[in-house]
Amino acid sequence: MSPGNPLKPAAGMASVAARVASARRQARRAPIKVTAIEADLDTRYTVDTLRALRRRWPKRRFIWLMGADNLAQLHRWRDWRGLARAMPIAVIARPGYDAAALASPAMAWLRRFRRPLASLKHRKIWSAPALVLLRFDPDPRSASALRSANPAWSEKFAVAGLRDGVTRRRV
């Protein structure tokens, strides 16, 4: 969980704890550990976080999970090619963003590293760069629209004493 996307305005951003709680709820049936480790690592940019993760846990195999909306503008991220070389990437379909993601400058470069979805079961032998596009029936709701409709949405996720799923520290 990022402390904040440098490409998005900070105004109206929910607390890290609320975003962690919300992400946990969304991932409750998936083998995903939600973490706010960037605060612990003191990193701001994704490429720095991924490198720090690999240094801290060199024997672990990570896959960077991102939405198609982020793939569409990945070429604007700091050292995005370095990010792709740091670990495999799985992209979640997002309604309204898939076409832009597939036509993006980052996808033009990553296309040669694309893996079929069926190869996901062999992900432990992947080396980066590698890209897989995840296809399922995504939630068509827009997070921005949900936040606009209910600016106090994060209040229901206010949890005292919430602990990070990886570091076990309070978020």
C-alpha atoms as a PDB file:
ATOM      1  CA  MET A   1       0.000   0.000   0.000  1.00  0.00           C
ATOM      2  CA  SER A   2       1.599   3.198  -1.153  1.00  0.00           C
ATOM      3  CA  PRO A   3       1.761   6.254   1.092  1.00  0.00           C
ATOM      4  CA  GLY A   4       0.460   8.119  -1.945  1.00  0.00           C
ATOM      5  CA  ASN A   5       0.780   8.106  -5.706  1.00  0.00           C
ATOM      6  CA  PRO A   6       2.980  11.057  -6.765  1.00  0.00           C
ATOM      7  CA  LEU A   7       0.910  11.275  -9.968  1.00  0.00           C
ATOM      8  CA  LYS A   8      -2.347  11.819  -8.036  1.00  0.00           C
ATOM      9  CA  PRO A   9      -3.434  14.705  -5.807  1.00  0.00           C
ATOM     10  CA  ALA A  10      -3.046  14.029  -2.068  1.00  0.00           C
ATOM     11  CA  ALA A  11      -6.255  15.918  -1.266  1.00  0.00           C
ATOM     12  CA  GLY A  12      -9.022  13.531  -0.317  1.00  0.00           C
ATOM     13  CA  MET A  13      -6.704  10.523   0.033  1.00  0.00           C
ATOM     14  CA  ALA A  14      -7.853   8.128   2.759  1.00  0.00           C
ATOM     15  CA  SER A  15      -5.457   7.174   5.531  1.00  0.00           C
ATOM     16  CA  VAL A  16      -3.055   4.302   4.939  1.00  0.00           C
ATOM     17  CA  ALA A  17      -4.820   2.292   7.668  1.00  0.00           C
ATOM     18  CA  ALA A  18      -8.208   2.718   5.971  1.00  0.00           C
ATOM     19  CA  ARG A  19      -6.785   1.752   2.585  1.00  0.00           C
ATOM     20  CA  VAL A  20      -5.078  -1.325   4.097  1.00  0.00           C
ATOM     21  CA  ALA A  21      -8.329  -2.402   5.765  1.00  0.00           C
ATOM     22  CA  SER A  22     -10.271  -1.883   2.534  1.00  0.00           C
ATOM     23  CA  ALA A  23      -7.679  -3.797   0.471  1.00  0.00           C
ATOM     24  CA  ARG A  24      -7.731  -6.687   2.972  1.00  0.00           C
ATOM     25  CA  ARG A  25     -11.477  -6.903   2.613  1.00  0.00           C
ATOM     26  CA  GLN A  26     -11.188  -7.033  -1.171  1.00  0.00           C
ATOM     27  CA  ALA A  27      -8.421  -9.670  -1.074  1.00  0.00           C
ATOM     28  CA  ARG A  28      -9.915 -11.832   1.667  1.00  0.00           C
ATOM     29  CA  ARG A  29     -10.243 -14.934  -0.554  1.00  0.00           C
ATOM     30  CA  ALA A  30      -7.016 -14.454  -2.503  1.00  0.00           C
ATOM     31  CA  PRO A  31      -3.474 -15.522  -1.577  1.00  0.00           C
ATOM     32  CA  ILE A  32      -2.472 -11.868  -1.189  1.00  0.00           C
ATOM     33  CA  LYS A  33      -0.818 -10.223   1.800  1.00  0.00           C
ATOM     34  CA  VAL A  34      -1.776  -6.579   2.024  1.00  0.00           C
ATOM     35  CA  THR A  35       1.042  -4.426   3.326  1.00  0.00           C
ATOM     36  CA  ALA A  36       1.944  -0.804   3.908  1.00  0.00           C
ATOM     37  CA  ILE A  37       5.618  -1.702   3.883  1.00  0.00           C
ATOM     38  CA  GLU A  38       6.625   1.394   1.926  1.00  0.00           C
ATOM     39  CA  ALA A  39       6.338   3.390   5.143  1.00  0.00           C
ATOM     40  CA  ASP A  40       8.714   0.921   6.833  1.00  0.00           C
ATOM     41  CA  LEU A  41      11.102   0.864   3.869  1.00  0.00           C
ATOM     42  CA  ASP A  42      10.932   4.664   3.581  1.00  0.00           C
ATOM     43  CA  THR A  43      10.449   4.447  -0.185  1.00  0.00           C
ATOM     44  CA  ARG A  44       8.278   6.692  -2.303  1.00  0.00           C
ATOM     45  CA  TYR A  45       8.620   5.223  -5.776  1.00  0.00           C
ATOM     46  CA  THR A  46       7.549   1.725  -6.755  1.00  0.00           C
ATOM     47  CA  VAL A  47      10.866   0.821  -8.363  1.00  0.00           C
ATOM     48  CA  ASP A  48      12.662   1.641  -5.101  1.00  0.00           C
ATOM     49  CA  THR A  49      10.136  -0.390  -3.102  1.00  0.00           C
ATOM     50  CA  LEU A  50      10.538  -3.444  -5.328  1.00  0.00           C
ATOM     51  CA  ARG A  51      14.309  -3.310  -5.086  1.00  0.00           C
ATOM     52  CA  ALA A  52      14.111  -2.932  -1.300  1.00  0.00           C
ATOM     53  CA  LEU A  53      11.743  -5.914  -1.078  1.00  0.00           C
ATOM     54  CA  ARG A  54      14.129  -8.070  -3.061  1.00  0.00           C
ATOM     55  CA  ARG A  55      17.032  -7.013  -0.828  1.00  0.00           C
ATOM     56  CA  ARG A  56      15.062  -7.727   2.344  1.00  0.00           C
ATOM     57  CA  TRP A  57      13.693 -11.097   1.155  1.00  0.00           C
ATOM     58  CA  PRO A  58      16.104 -12.354  -1.528  1.00  0.00           C
ATOM     59  CA  LYS A  59      14.672 -15.904  -1.510  1.00  0.00           C
ATOM     60  CA  ARG A  60      11.047 -14.815  -1.940  1.00  0.00           C
ATOM     61  CA  ARG A  61       9.352 -14.680  -5.335  1.00  0.00           C
ATOM     62  CA  PHE A  62       7.192 -11.602  -5.827  1.00  0.00           C
ATOM     63  CA  ILE A  63       4.771 -10.567  -8.556  1.00  0.00           C
ATOM     64  CA  TRP A  64       3.844  -6.897  -8.855  1.00  0.00           C
ATOM     65  CA  LEU A  65       0.044  -6.609  -9.111  1.00  0.00           C
ATOM     66  CA  MET A  66      -1.313  -3.496 -10.812  1.00  0.00           C
ATOM     67  CA  GLY A  67      -4.441  -2.338 -12.584  1.00  0.00           C
ATOM     68  CA  ALA A  68      -4.696  -1.688 -16.307  1.00  0.00           C
ATOM     69  CA  ASP A  69      -5.187   2.001 -15.462  1.00  0.00           C
ATOM     70  CA  ASN A  70      -1.631   2.038 -14.090  1.00  0.00           C
ATOM     71  CA  LEU A  71      -0.226   0.115 -17.056  1.00  0.00           C
ATOM     72  CA  ALA A  72      -1.720   2.804 -19.324  1.00  0.00           C
ATOM     73  CA  GLN A  73       0.520   5.425 -17.675  1.00  0.00           C
ATOM     74  CA  LEU A  74       3.384   3.231 -16.457  1.00  0.00           C
ATOM     75  CA  HIS A  75       5.739   4.949 -18.921  1.00  0.00           C
ATOM     76  CA  ARG A  76       5.396   8.077 -16.726  1.00  0.00           C
ATOM     77  CA  TRP A  77       6.639   6.274 -13.601  1.00  0.00           C
ATOM     78  CA  ARG A  78      10.186   6.654 -12.340  1.00  0.00           C
ATOM     79  CA  ASP A  79      12.442   4.003 -13.979  1.00  0.00           C
ATOM     80  CA  TRP A  80       9.502   1.933 -15.173  1.00  0.00           C
ATOM     81  CA  ARG A  81      11.754  -0.373 -17.201  1.00  0.00           C
ATOM     82  CA  GLY A  82      13.796  -0.998 -14.043  1.00  0.00           C
ATOM     83  CA  LEU A  83      10.542  -1.826 -12.273  1.00  0.00           C
ATOM     84  CA  ALA A  84       9.687  -4.372 -14.995  1.00  0.00           C
ATOM     85  CA  ARG A  85      13.165  -5.875 -14.702  1.00  0.00           C
ATOM     86  CA  ALA A  86      12.866  -6.102 -10.901  1.00  0.00           C
ATOM     87  CA  MET A  87       9.947  -8.549 -10.815  1.00  0.00           C
ATOM     88  CA  PRO A  88       7.160 -10.035 -12.954  1.00  0.00           C
ATOM     89  CA  ILE A  89       4.006  -7.951 -13.360  1.00  0.00           C
ATOM     90  CA  ALA A  90       0.381  -9.117 -13.331  1.00  0.00           C
ATOM     91  CA  VAL A  91      -2.137  -6.620 -14.689  1.00  0.00           C
ATOM     92  CA  ILE A  92      -5.763  -6.673 -13.561  1.00  0.00           C
ATOM     93  CA  ALA A  93      -8.321  -5.685 -16.198  1.00  0.00           C
ATOM     94  CA  ARG A  94     -10.066  -2.376 -15.475  1.00  0.00           C
ATOM     95  CA  PRO A  95     -13.173  -1.340 -17.409  1.00  0.00           C
ATOM     96  CA  GLY A  96     -12.452   1.670 -19.574  1.00  0.00           C
ATOM     97  CA  TYR A  97      -8.643   1.332 -19.317  1.00  0.00           C
ATOM     98  CA  ASP A  98      -7.807  -1.884 -21.136  1.00  0.00           C
ATOM     99  CA  ALA A  99      -7.531  -0.318 -24.607  1.00  0.00           C
ATOM    100  CA  ALA A 100      -5.281   2.494 -23.325  1.00  0.00           C
ATOM    101  CA  ALA A 101      -3.156  -0.025 -21.425  1.00  0.00           C
ATOM    102  CA  LEU A 102      -2.660  -2.223 -24.502  1.00  0.00           C
ATOM    103  CA  ALA A 103      -1.784   0.837 -26.623  1.00  0.00           C
ATOM    104  CA  SER A 104       0.567   2.388 -24.055  1.00  0.00           C
ATOM    105  CA  PRO A 105       4.306   2.972 -24.594  1.00  0.00           C
ATOM    106  CA  ALA A 106       5.039   0.656 -21.666  1.00  0.00           C
ATOM    107  CA  MET A 107       2.996  -2.157 -23.232  1.00  0.00           C
ATOM    108  CA  ALA A 108       4.817  -1.659 -26.527  1.00  0.00           C
ATOM    109  CA  TRP A 109       8.052  -2.478 -24.684  1.00  0.00           C
ATOM    110  CA  LEU A 110       6.558  -5.162 -22.388  1.00  0.00           C
ATOM    111  CA  ARG A 111       4.627  -6.988 -25.133  1.00  0.00           C
ATOM    112  CA  ARG A 112       7.593  -9.255 -25.950  1.00  0.00           C
ATOM    113  CA  PHE A 113       7.683 -10.383 -22.291  1.00  0.00           C
ATOM    114  CA  ARG A 114       3.978 -11.256 -22.133  1.00  0.00           C
ATOM    115  CA  ARG A 115       3.140 -14.678 -20.724  1.00  0.00           C
ATOM    116  CA  PRO A 116      -0.079 -16.602 -21.299  1.00  0.00           C
ATOM    117  CA  LEU A 117      -2.482 -16.687 -18.380  1.00  0.00           C
ATOM    118  CA  ALA A 118      -2.109 -20.481 -18.168  1.00  0.00           C
ATOM    119  CA  SER A 119       1.595 -20.019 -17.334  1.00  0.00           C
ATOM    120  CA  LEU A 120       0.610 -18.375 -14.046  1.00  0.00           C
ATOM    121  CA  LYS A 121       0.684 -21.790 -12.378  1.00  0.00           C
ATOM    122  CA  HIS A 122       4.423 -21.935 -13.257  1.00  0.00           C
ATOM    123  CA  ARG A 123       5.130 -18.405 -12.014  1.00  0.00           C
ATOM    124  CA  LYS A 124       7.818 -19.600  -9.617  1.00  0.00           C
ATOM    125  CA  ILE A 125      10.132 -20.197 -12.560  1.00  0.00           C
ATOM    126  CA  TRP A 126       9.441 -16.849 -14.213  1.00  0.00           C
ATOM    127  CA  SER A 127      12.192 -14.309 -14.425  1.00  0.00           C
ATOM    128  CA  ALA A 128      11.607 -10.614 -14.953  1.00  0.00           C
ATOM    129  CA  PRO A 129      10.642  -8.954 -17.116  1.00  0.00           C
ATOM    130  CA  ALA A 130       7.432 -10.949 -17.426  1.00  0.00           C
ATOM    131  CA  LEU A 131       3.874  -9.732 -17.858  1.00  0.00           C
ATOM    132  CA  VAL A 132       0.561 -11.547 -17.548  1.00  0.00           C
ATOM    133  CA  LEU A 133      -2.830  -9.984 -18.163  1.00  0.00           C
ATOM    134  CA  LEU A 134      -5.461 -11.214 -15.714  1.00  0.00           C
ATOM    135  CA  ARG A 135      -8.918 -11.597 -17.215  1.00  0.00           C
ATOM    136  CA  PHE A 136     -12.055 -11.956 -15.133  1.00  0.00           C
ATOM    137  CA  ASP A 137     -15.234 -10.020 -14.613  1.00  0.00           C
ATOM    138  CA  PRO A 138     -13.831  -6.900 -12.957  1.00  0.00           C
ATOM    139  CA  ASP A 139     -15.832  -4.641 -10.733  1.00  0.00           C
ATOM    140  CA  PRO A 140     -17.079  -1.939 -13.122  1.00  0.00           C
ATOM    141  CA  ARG A 141     -17.324   0.684 -10.377  1.00  0.00           C
ATOM    142  CA  SER A 142     -14.794   3.483 -10.397  1.00  0.00           C
ATOM    143  CA  ALA A 143     -12.928   4.130  -7.142  1.00  0.00           C
ATOM    144  CA  SER A 144     -12.881   7.838  -7.970  1.00  0.00           C
ATOM    145  CA  ALA A 145     -16.658   7.851  -8.487  1.00  0.00           C
ATOM    146  CA  LEU A 146     -17.198   5.910  -5.244  1.00  0.00           C
ATOM    147  CA  ARG A 147     -15.037   8.383  -3.313  1.00  0.00           C
ATOM    148  CA  SER A 148     -16.920  11.316  -4.858  1.00  0.00           C
ATOM    149  CA  ALA A 149     -20.284   9.776  -4.018  1.00  0.00           C
ATOM    150  CA  ASN A 150     -19.232   9.044  -0.428  1.00  0.00           C
ATOM    151  CA  PRO A 151     -16.311  11.229   0.697  1.00  0.00           C
ATOM    152  CA  ALA A 152     -16.468   9.612   4.152  1.00  0.00           C
ATOM    153  CA  TRP A 153     -16.117   6.041   2.783  1.00  0.00           C
ATOM    154  CA  SER A 154     -12.886   5.433   4.678  1.00  0.00           C
ATOM    155  CA  GLU A 155     -14.516   6.028   8.078  1.00  0.00           C
ATOM    156  CA  LYS A 156     -16.053   2.551   8.021  1.00  0.00           C
ATOM    157  CA  PHE A 157     -12.527   1.132   7.687  1.00  0.00           C
ATOM    158  CA  ALA A 158     -11.112   3.069  10.635  1.00  0.00           C
ATOM    159  CA  VAL A 159      -9.623   0.272  12.710  1.00  0.00           C
ATOM    160  CA  ALA A 160      -7.591   0.986  15.822  1.00  0.00           C
ATOM    161  CA  GLY A 161      -4.478  -1.137  16.207  1.00  0.00           C
ATOM    162  CA  LEU A 162      -4.503  -2.505  12.638  1.00  0.00           C
ATOM    163  CA  ARG A 163      -1.298  -4.431  11.968  1.00  0.00           C
ATOM    164  CA  ASP A 164       0.538  -4.739   8.675  1.00  0.00           C
ATOM    165  CA  GLY A 165       0.233  -8.198   7.091  1.00  0.00           C
ATOM    166  CA  VAL A 166       3.979  -8.434   6.432  1.00  0.00           C
ATOM    167  CA  THR A 167       5.848  -6.320   8.978  1.00  0.00           C
ATOM    168  CA  ARG A 168       3.287  -6.845  11.796  1.00  0.00           C
ATOM    169  CA  ARG A 169       3.716  -3.153  12.716  1.00  0.00           C
ATOM    170  CA  ARG A 170       0.783  -0.870  13.332  1.00  0.00           C
ATOM    171  CA  VAL A 171      -0.325   1.105  10.283  1.00  0.00           C
END
